[in-house]
Protein backbone atom coordinates (compact mmCIF):
# COMPACT_ATOMS: atom_id res chain seq x y z
CA MET A 1 113.29 122.32 86.88
CA ARG A 2 110.25 120.14 86.00
CA LYS A 3 111.57 120.11 82.54
CA PHE A 4 114.43 118.16 83.52
CA LEU A 5 113.06 115.90 86.44
CA HIS A 6 111.52 112.57 84.76
CA PHE A 7 110.91 109.38 86.62
CA ASN A 8 109.60 107.32 83.82
CA ASP A 9 109.43 107.10 79.91
CA ASN A 10 106.61 108.81 78.13
CA THR A 11 106.66 106.95 75.09
CA THR A 12 105.42 103.83 77.10
CA MET A 13 102.47 105.49 78.53
CA MET A 14 99.02 104.02 77.31
CA SER A 15 96.42 105.84 76.44
CA THR A 16 93.47 107.10 78.48
CA GLU A 17 91.15 104.92 76.98
CA HIS A 18 93.24 101.82 77.42
CA PRO A 19 91.95 99.30 80.16
CA ASP A 20 95.30 99.13 81.84
CA HIS A 21 95.85 102.72 81.81
CA ASP A 22 98.02 103.92 84.85
CA ARG A 23 97.14 107.31 86.13
CA LEU A 24 100.46 107.51 87.96
CA HIS A 25 102.58 106.34 85.25
CA LYS A 26 105.08 109.42 85.38
CA VAL A 27 105.81 109.01 88.79
CA ARG A 28 105.27 105.08 89.18
CA PRO A 29 109.02 104.08 89.56
CA LEU A 30 109.38 106.63 92.43
CA LEU A 31 106.29 105.30 94.22
CA THR A 32 107.57 101.79 93.87
CA GLU A 33 110.83 102.74 95.42
CA ILE A 34 109.37 104.49 98.51
CA ASN A 35 107.02 101.92 99.05
CA LYS A 36 109.62 99.07 98.98
CA ARG A 37 111.89 101.50 101.39
CA PHE A 38 108.64 101.98 103.76
CA SER A 39 108.23 98.36 103.81
CA LEU A 40 111.76 97.59 105.17
CA ASN A 41 111.04 99.50 108.31
CA PRO A 42 109.31 97.39 110.81
CA LEU A 43 105.85 99.03 112.12
CA GLU A 44 105.37 99.54 115.85
CA ARG A 45 102.15 98.10 117.52
CA HIS A 46 101.56 101.46 119.38
CA LEU A 47 102.20 104.63 118.09
CA PHE A 48 102.09 107.82 120.09
CA ILE A 49 101.55 111.52 119.01
CA ASP A 50 103.04 114.14 121.24
CA GLU A 51 101.14 117.30 121.20
CA GLN A 52 104.71 119.13 120.14
CA LEU A 53 104.50 117.26 117.10
CA CYS A 54 101.20 118.46 115.91
CA SER A 55 101.13 122.10 114.99
CA SER A 56 98.10 124.12 116.03
CA LYS A 57 96.95 127.68 115.50
CA SER A 58 94.24 127.44 118.30
CA ARG A 59 94.75 129.74 121.27
CA GLN A 60 94.77 128.06 124.72
CA ASP A 61 94.28 130.12 127.72
CA PHE A 62 95.57 128.38 130.89
CA HIS A 63 94.85 130.92 133.84
C-alpha cells in the first residue's frame, strides 16, 4: 500500500546537506492541508475531558 501512496514529488526534495532541507518533505502537503482544516474550527476557551474519554488500565476498588 505504501508503494502507491504519495503526497509529494521525490524529485523536488533537497539533499540533507542543504540548509533548507525539509525533513517532512514527503508528507508536507498532507500536513499543510490538515493544519488548514484545523484552523477553520474555532477553539473553545474551556476544554473539558470526561473520565470516560480517557482509557485507563488501572484498577479501582470502590467498596
